[in-house]
C-alpha atoms as a PDB file:
ATOM      1  CA  MET A   1      11.516  57.365-122.790  1.00  0.00           C
ATOM      2  CA  THR A   2       7.859  58.316-123.079  1.00  0.00           C
ATOM      3  CA  ILE A   3       6.675  55.068-121.480  1.00  0.00           C
ATOM      4  CA  GLU A   4       9.061  55.511-118.552  1.00  0.00           C
ATOM      5  CA  ALA A   5       8.039  59.166-118.034  1.00  0.00           C
ATOM      6  CA  ARG A   6       4.316  58.509-117.635  1.00  0.00           C
ATOM      7  CA  PRO A   7       4.507  56.778-114.218  1.00  0.00           C
ATOM      8  CA  LEU A   8       6.641  59.664-112.961  1.00  0.00           C
ATOM      9  CA  ARG A   9       3.972  62.150-114.010  1.00  0.00           C
ATOM     10  CA  ARG A  10       1.276  60.087-112.323  1.00  0.00           C
ATOM     11  CA  ASP A  11       3.381  59.810-109.164  1.00  0.00           C
ATOM     12  CA  ALA A  12       3.979  63.553-109.225  1.00  0.00           C
ATOM     13  CA  GLN A  13       0.248  64.220-109.534  1.00  0.00           C
ATOM     14  CA  ARG A  14      -0.550  61.828-106.689  1.00  0.00           C
ATOM     15  CA  ASN A  15       2.089  63.493-104.512  1.00  0.00           C
ATOM     16  CA  ARG A  16       0.674  66.921-105.314  1.00  0.00           C
ATOM     17  CA  GLU A  17      -2.844  65.811-104.391  1.00  0.00           C
ATOM     18  CA  ARG A  18      -1.572  64.182-101.194  1.00  0.00           C
ATOM     19  CA  ILE A  19       0.308  67.347-100.230  1.00  0.00           C
ATOM     20  CA  ILE A  20      -2.719  69.590-100.837  1.00  0.00           C
ATOM     21  CA  GLU A  21      -4.994  67.258 -98.862  1.00  0.00           C
ATOM     22  CA  ALA A  22      -2.511  67.171 -95.989  1.00  0.00           C
ATOM     23  CA  ALA A  23      -2.140  70.950 -96.125  1.00  0.00           C
ATOM     24  CA  HIS A  24      -5.922  71.360 -95.846  1.00  0.00           C
ATOM     25  CA  GLU A  25      -5.884  69.301 -92.661  1.00  0.00           C
ATOM     26  CA  VAL A  26      -2.773  70.858 -91.134  1.00  0.00           C
ATOM     27  CA  PHE A  27      -3.720  74.462 -91.870  1.00  0.00           C
ATOM     28  CA  ALA A  28      -7.298  73.850 -90.672  1.00  0.00           C
ATOM     29  CA  THR A  29      -6.023  73.121 -87.171  1.00  0.00           C
ATOM     30  CA  ARG A  30      -2.832  75.208 -86.988  1.00  0.00           C
ATOM     31  CA  GLY A  31      -3.375  78.012 -89.484  1.00  0.00           C
ATOM     32  CA  PHE A  32      -0.398  79.836 -90.940  1.00  0.00           C
ATOM     33  CA  ALA A  33       1.700  78.827 -87.951  1.00  0.00           C
ATOM     34  CA  ALA A  34       2.092  75.436 -89.666  1.00  0.00           C
ATOM     35  CA  THR A  35       5.214  74.950 -91.780  1.00  0.00           C
ATOM     36  CA  LEU A  36       5.959  73.057 -94.966  1.00  0.00           C
ATOM     37  CA  ASP A  37       7.818  70.549 -92.791  1.00  0.00           C
ATOM     38  CA  ASP A  38       4.573  69.967 -90.866  1.00  0.00           C
ATOM     39  CA  VAL A  39       2.692  69.410 -94.111  1.00  0.00           C
ATOM     40  CA  ALA A  40       5.326  66.989 -95.407  1.00  0.00           C
ATOM     41  CA  HIS A  41       5.192  64.963 -92.205  1.00  0.00           C
ATOM     42  CA  HIS A  42       1.388  64.805 -92.306  1.00  0.00           C
ATOM     43  CA  ALA A  43       1.412  63.835 -95.988  1.00  0.00           C
ATOM     44  CA  GLY A  44       3.976  61.093 -95.394  1.00  0.00           C
ATOM     45  CA  VAL A  45       6.400  62.486 -97.969  1.00  0.00           C
ATOM     46  CA  GLY A  46       9.853  63.990 -97.747  1.00  0.00           C
ATOM     47  CA  VAL A  47      10.037  67.735 -97.284  1.00  0.00           C
ATOM     48  CA  GLY A  48      12.013  67.913-100.536  1.00  0.00           C
ATOM     49  CA  THR A  49       8.955  66.552-102.353  1.00  0.00           C
ATOM     50  CA  VAL A  50       6.849  69.367-100.934  1.00  0.00           C
ATOM     51  CA  TYR A  51       9.391  71.990-101.952  1.00  0.00           C
ATOM     52  CA  ARG A  52       9.567  70.617-105.496  1.00  0.00           C
ATOM     53  CA  ARG A  53       5.809  71.031-105.883  1.00  0.00           C
ATOM     54  CA  PHE A  54       5.468  74.195-103.781  1.00  0.00           C
ATOM     55  CA  PRO A  55       8.741  76.122-103.391  1.00  0.00           C
ATOM     56  CA  THR A  56       7.199  78.548-100.874  1.00  0.00           C
ATOM     57  CA  LYS A  57       4.470  78.353 -98.264  1.00  0.00           C
ATOM     58  CA  GLU A  58       2.689  81.148-100.161  1.00  0.00           C
ATOM     59  CA  SER A  59       2.353  78.939-103.252  1.00  0.00           C
ATOM     60  CA  LEU A  60       0.916  76.082-101.195  1.00  0.00           C
ATOM     61  CA  VAL A  61      -1.507  78.372 -99.367  1.00  0.00           C
ATOM     62  CA  GLU A  62      -2.678  79.734-102.709  1.00  0.00           C
ATOM     63  CA  ALA A  63      -3.353  76.224-104.015  1.00  0.00           C
ATOM     64  CA  VAL A  64      -5.245  75.277-100.859  1.00  0.00           C
ATOM     65  CA  PHE A  65      -7.325  78.384-100.161  1.00  0.00           C
ATOM     66  CA  THR A  66      -8.078  80.291-103.365  1.00  0.00           C
ATOM     67  CA  ASP A  67     -11.239  78.268-104.035  1.00  0.00           C
ATOM     68  CA  ARG A  68     -12.339  78.554-100.383  1.00  0.00           C
ATOM     69  CA  LEU A  69     -11.970  82.321-100.518  1.00  0.00           C
ATOM     70  CA  GLU A  70     -14.002  82.375-103.719  1.00  0.00           C
ATOM     71  CA  ASP A  71     -16.724  80.650-101.685  1.00  0.00           C
ATOM     72  CA  MET A  72     -16.708  83.684 -99.401  1.00  0.00           C
ATOM     73  CA  VAL A  73     -17.131  85.949-102.427  1.00  0.00           C
ATOM     74  CA  THR A  74     -20.221  83.891-103.265  1.00  0.00           C
ATOM     75  CA  LEU A  75     -21.531  84.445 -99.714  1.00  0.00           C
ATOM     76  CA  ALA A  76     -21.172  88.196-100.188  1.00  0.00           C
ATOM     77  CA  GLU A  77     -22.967  88.072-103.543  1.00  0.00           C
ATOM     78  CA  GLU A  78     -25.828  86.138-101.956  1.00  0.00           C
ATOM     79  CA  ALA A  79     -26.023  88.646 -99.089  1.00  0.00           C
ATOM     80  CA  LEU A  80     -26.713  91.411-101.595  1.00  0.00           C
ATOM     81  CA  THR A  81     -29.797  89.586-102.863  1.00  0.00           C
ATOM     82  CA  ALA A  82     -31.498  89.534 -99.439  1.00  0.00           C
ATOM     83  CA  ASP A  83     -34.699  91.564 -99.215  1.00  0.00           C
ATOM     84  CA  SER A  84     -33.458  93.206 -96.021  1.00  0.00           C
ATOM     85  CA  ALA A  85     -30.001  94.784 -96.090  1.00  0.00           C
ATOM     86  CA  TRP A  86     -29.589  94.033 -92.374  1.00  0.00           C
ATOM     87  CA  ASP A  87     -30.549  90.379 -92.826  1.00  0.00           C
ATOM     88  CA  GLY A  88     -28.042  90.105 -95.683  1.00  0.00           C
ATOM     89  CA  LEU A  89     -25.272  91.654 -93.578  1.00  0.00           C
ATOM     90  CA  VAL A  90     -25.977  89.410 -90.576  1.00  0.00           C
ATOM     91  CA  ASP A  91     -26.265  86.284 -92.735  1.00  0.00           C
ATOM     92  CA  PHE A  92     -22.944  87.006 -94.439  1.00  0.00           C
ATOM     93  CA  PHE A  93     -21.022  87.548 -91.215  1.00  0.00           C
ATOM     94  CA  ARG A  94     -22.566  84.560 -89.465  1.00  0.00           C
ATOM     95  CA  ARG A  95     -21.716  82.253 -92.365  1.00  0.00           C
ATOM     96  CA  ALA A  96     -18.233  83.740 -92.766  1.00  0.00           C
ATOM     97  CA  ALA A  97     -17.568  83.328 -89.034  1.00  0.00           C
ATOM     98  CA  ARG A  98     -18.776  79.716 -89.200  1.00  0.00           C
ATOM     99  CA  MET A  99     -16.346  78.981 -92.038  1.00  0.00           C
ATOM    100  CA  HIS A 100     -13.467  80.679 -90.203  1.00  0.00           C
ATOM    101  CA  ALA A 101     -14.258  78.909 -86.951  1.00  0.00           C
ATOM    102  CA  ALA A 102     -14.133  75.516 -88.672  1.00  0.00           C
ATOM    103  CA  ASP A 103     -10.871  76.188 -90.527  1.00  0.00           C
ATOM    104  CA  ARG A 104      -8.109  78.255 -88.946  1.00  0.00           C
ATOM    105  CA  GLY A 105      -6.174  78.280 -92.215  1.00  0.00           C
ATOM    106  CA  LEU A 106      -9.098  79.836 -94.067  1.00  0.00           C
ATOM    107  CA  ARG A 107      -9.434  82.351 -91.259  1.00  0.00           C
ATOM    108  CA  ASP A 108      -5.757  83.267 -91.533  1.00  0.00           C
ATOM    109  CA  ALA A 109      -5.970  83.465 -95.337  1.00  0.00           C
ATOM    110  CA  ALA A 110      -8.994  85.770 -95.217  1.00  0.00           C
ATOM    111  CA  LEU A 111      -7.484  88.076 -92.587  1.00  0.00           C
ATOM    112  CA  SER A 112      -3.822  87.988 -93.638  1.00  0.00           C
ATOM    113  CA  ILE A 113      -2.261  91.298 -94.660  1.00  0.00           C
ATOM    114  CA  ASP A 114       0.569  89.732 -96.682  1.00  0.00           C
ATOM    115  CA  ALA A 115      -1.368  87.267 -98.859  1.00  0.00           C
ATOM    116  CA  ASP A 116      -0.700  89.244-102.037  1.00  0.00           C
ATOM    117  CA  HIS A 117      -1.520  86.242-104.213  1.00  0.00           C
ATOM    118  CA  PHE A 118      -5.167  86.543-103.089  1.00  0.00           C
ATOM    119  CA  GLY A 119      -5.307  90.004-104.644  1.00  0.00           C
ATOM    120  CA  GLN A 120      -7.878  89.088-107.274  1.00  0.00           C
ATOM    121  CA  VAL A 121     -10.178  87.589-104.660  1.00  0.00           C
ATOM    122  CA  GLY A 122      -9.830  90.766-102.601  1.00  0.00           C
ATOM    123  CA  GLU A 123     -10.644  92.892-105.642  1.00  0.00           C
ATOM    124  CA  HIS A 124     -13.951  91.011-105.880  1.00  0.00           C
ATOM    125  CA  MET A 125     -14.678  90.818-102.174  1.00  0.00           C
ATOM    126  CA  LEU A 126     -14.010  94.339-100.911  1.00  0.00           C
ATOM    127  CA  PRO A 127     -16.464  96.140-103.231  1.00  0.00           C
ATOM    128  CA  LEU A 128     -19.124  93.558-102.334  1.00  0.00           C
ATOM    129  CA  LEU A 129     -18.554  94.120 -98.617  1.00  0.00           C
ATOM    130  CA  GLN A 130     -18.792  97.863 -99.139  1.00  0.00           C
ATOM    131  CA  GLN A 131     -22.077  97.395-100.976  1.00  0.00           C
ATOM    132  CA  ILE A 132     -23.439  95.253 -98.127  1.00  0.00           C
ATOM    133  CA  ILE A 133     -22.503  97.968 -95.621  1.00  0.00           C
ATOM    134  CA  ASP A 134     -23.782 100.812 -97.835  1.00  0.00           C
ATOM    135  CA  ARG A 135     -27.136  99.047 -98.242  1.00  0.00           C
ATOM    136  CA  ALA A 136     -27.508  98.648 -94.496  1.00  0.00           C
ATOM    137  CA  HIS A 137     -26.586 102.307 -93.940  1.00  0.00           C
ATOM    138  CA  ALA A 138     -29.114 103.421 -96.567  1.00  0.00           C
ATOM    139  CA  GLU A 139     -31.742 101.193 -94.982  1.00  0.00           C
ATOM    140  CA  GLY A 140     -31.025 102.808 -91.618  1.00  0.00           C
ATOM    141  CA  THR A 141     -30.352  99.515 -89.858  1.00  0.00           C
ATOM    142  CA  LEU A 142     -26.561  99.759 -89.463  1.00  0.00           C
ATOM    143  CA  ARG A 143     -25.323 102.438 -87.087  1.00  0.00           C
ATOM    144  CA  PRO A 144     -23.785 105.266 -89.115  1.00  0.00           C
ATOM    145  CA  ASP A 145     -20.477 105.289 -87.231  1.00  0.00           C
ATOM    146  CA  ALA A 146     -19.739 101.624 -88.132  1.00  0.00           C
ATOM    147  CA  GLY A 147     -17.823 101.052 -91.331  1.00  0.00           C
ATOM    148  CA  MET A 148     -15.892  98.628 -93.490  1.00  0.00           C
ATOM    149  CA  HIS A 149     -12.830  98.454 -91.253  1.00  0.00           C
ATOM    150  CA  ASP A 150     -14.811  97.371 -88.196  1.00  0.00           C
ATOM    151  CA  PHE A 151     -15.802  94.028 -89.671  1.00  0.00           C
ATOM    152  CA  PRO A 152     -12.386  92.349 -90.088  1.00  0.00           C
ATOM    153  CA  ILE A 153     -11.718  93.173 -86.431  1.00  0.00           C
ATOM    154  CA  ILE A 154     -15.035  91.614 -85.389  1.00  0.00           C
ATOM    155  CA  LEU A 155     -14.314  88.459 -87.393  1.00  0.00           C
ATOM    156  CA  ALA A 156     -10.808  88.272 -85.930  1.00  0.00           C
ATOM    157  CA  MET A 157     -12.179  88.588 -82.403  1.00  0.00           C
ATOM    158  CA  VAL A 158     -14.918  85.993 -82.602  1.00  0.00           C
ATOM    159  CA  THR A 159     -12.943  83.470 -84.640  1.00  0.00           C
ATOM    160  CA  GLU A 160      -9.982  83.689 -82.287  1.00  0.00           C
ATOM    161  CA  LEU A 161     -12.432  82.838 -79.513  1.00  0.00           C
ATOM    162  CA  ALA A 162     -13.790  79.987 -81.649  1.00  0.00           C
ATOM    163  CA  GLN A 163     -10.321  78.541 -82.124  1.00  0.00           C
ATOM    164  CA  ASN A 164      -9.627  78.655 -78.385  1.00  0.00           C
ATOM    165  CA  SER A 165     -12.925  77.208 -77.157  1.00  0.00           C
ATOM    166  CA  THR A 166     -13.241  74.075 -79.293  1.00  0.00           C
ATOM    167  CA  ALA A 167     -12.415  71.767 -76.383  1.00  0.00           C
ATOM    168  CA  CYS A 168     -15.077  73.162 -74.051  1.00  0.00           C
ATOM    169  CA  ARG A 169     -17.757  75.174 -75.887  1.00  0.00           C
ATOM    170  CA  PRO A 170     -17.147  75.119 -79.654  1.00  0.00           C
ATOM    171  CA  GLU A 171     -20.277  77.178 -80.343  1.00  0.00           C
ATOM    172  CA  ILE A 172     -19.573  79.904 -77.779  1.00  0.00           C
ATOM    173  CA  TYR A 173     -18.271  82.345 -80.404  1.00  0.00           C
ATOM    174  CA  GLU A 174     -21.814  82.593 -81.827  1.00  0.00           C
ATOM    175  CA  ARG A 175     -23.009  84.155 -78.571  1.00  0.00           C
ATOM    176  CA  TYR A 176     -20.451  86.943 -78.817  1.00  0.00           C
ATOM    177  CA  LEU A 177     -20.959  87.433 -82.524  1.00  0.00           C
ATOM    178  CA  SER A 178     -24.651  87.997 -81.779  1.00  0.00           C
ATOM    179  CA  LEU A 179     -23.771  90.550 -79.090  1.00  0.00           C
ATOM    180  CA  LEU A 180     -21.435  92.397 -81.431  1.00  0.00           C
ATOM    181  CA  LEU A 181     -23.896  92.381 -84.322  1.00  0.00           C
ATOM    182  CA  ASP A 182     -26.647  93.669 -82.032  1.00  0.00           C
ATOM    183  CA  GLY A 183     -24.293  96.477 -81.037  1.00  0.00           C
ATOM    184  CA  LEU A 184     -23.923  97.412 -84.709  1.00  0.00           C
ATOM    185  CA  ARG A 185     -27.664  97.831 -85.254  1.00  0.00           C
ATOM    186  CA  ALA A 186     -28.764 101.453 -85.474  1.00  0.00           C
ATOM    187  CA  CYS A 187     -30.371 102.501 -82.199  1.00  0.00           C
ATOM    188  CA  PRO A 188     -31.031 105.977 -80.786  1.00  0.00           C
ATOM    189  CA  GLY A 189     -29.557 104.994 -77.423  1.00  0.00           C
ATOM    190  CA  HIS A 190     -26.156 104.019 -78.772  1.00  0.00           C
ATOM    191  CA  GLY A 191     -23.229 106.155 -77.669  1.00  0.00           C
ATOM    192  CA  ASP A 192     -20.502 107.405 -79.977  1.00  0.00           C
ATOM    193  CA  LEU A 193     -17.912 104.795 -81.007  1.00  0.00           C
ATOM    194  CA  GLY A 194     -15.216 107.420 -81.442  1.00  0.00           C
ATOM    195  CA  PRO A 195     -12.969 107.785 -84.514  1.00  0.00           C
ATOM    196  CA  GLN A 196     -13.451 105.140 -87.179  1.00  0.00           C
ATOM    197  CA  LEU A 197     -10.636 102.711 -87.849  1.00  0.00           C
ATOM    198  CA  THR A 198      -8.336 103.221 -90.804  1.00  0.00           C
ATOM    199  CA  GLU A 199      -6.894 100.535 -93.027  1.00  0.00           C
ATOM    200  CA  ALA A 200      -3.564 101.049 -91.268  1.00  0.00           C
ATOM    201  CA  ASP A 201      -5.284 100.310 -87.950  1.00  0.00           C
ATOM    202  CA  VAL A 202      -6.724  97.075 -89.321  1.00  0.00           C
ATOM    203  CA  GLN A 203      -3.376  96.002 -90.752  1.00  0.00           C
ATOM    204  CA  ALA A 204      -1.626  96.652 -87.450  1.00  0.00           C
ATOM    205  CA  VAL A 205      -4.166  94.497 -85.610  1.00  0.00           C
ATOM    206  CA  MET A 206      -4.106  91.700 -88.189  1.00  0.00           C
ATOM    207  CA  LYS A 207      -0.324  91.640 -88.072  1.00  0.00           C
ATOM    208  CA  GLU A 208      -0.674  90.541 -84.449  1.00  0.00           C
ATOM    209  CA  CYS A 209      -3.668  88.236 -84.984  1.00  0.00           C
ATOM    210  CA  VAL A 210      -2.431  86.219 -87.975  1.00  0.00           C
ATOM    211  CA  PRO A 211       0.967  84.442 -88.118  1.00  0.00           C
ATOM    212  CA  PRO A 212       3.172  85.752 -90.952  1.00  0.00           C
ATOM    213  CA  LEU A 213       2.695  83.801 -94.152  1.00  0.00           C
ATOM    214  CA  LYS A 214       6.309  84.206 -95.185  1.00  0.00           C
ATOM    215  CA  SER A 215       7.597  81.872 -92.488  1.00  0.00           C
ATOM    216  CA  ARG A 216       8.516  78.313 -93.495  1.00  0.00           C
END
């Protein structure tokens, strides 16, 4: 019995690796709009095989993107070591936007409001982002009426542009990210932005920007 079971375990491991690799590729181009059926087709396995390894899309997304989101935590940690708070902030958002532009699935995972299984990553990331913003405020380089909730919206805007301009000008999002970041720099001539966004505002916007994870 033991001898017969070993090939099954090896086959199961190979199938799991094939599914995760296929999911990387499918989610990178289609984001959370992709289904487990799409992943199965791309992996060349039956959809039942995918469901045996990953009974929900959430479990597959977690397997695919947790490490990539940890990479973003590392970016935030590195931003806090920059000599200039403004340079650290700009470097973080440029690198994060570059990662999101190259991988729609990562973009959706980072901006999703219903990815509860990324809670631990968020617990690490959000305080780091607040520190980056607080440093820039203390330095006097970030306009005082810009806050934490502005930055997910900015990333959503520029990375949506990136996803829709790959066929003509794949780098065009960088132009508009630069314009937006310049608008965030403290400057006496800047007008009032109006009331700051709340977390509820951000969630309402992200609900429209990112396909629901709980679909098949």
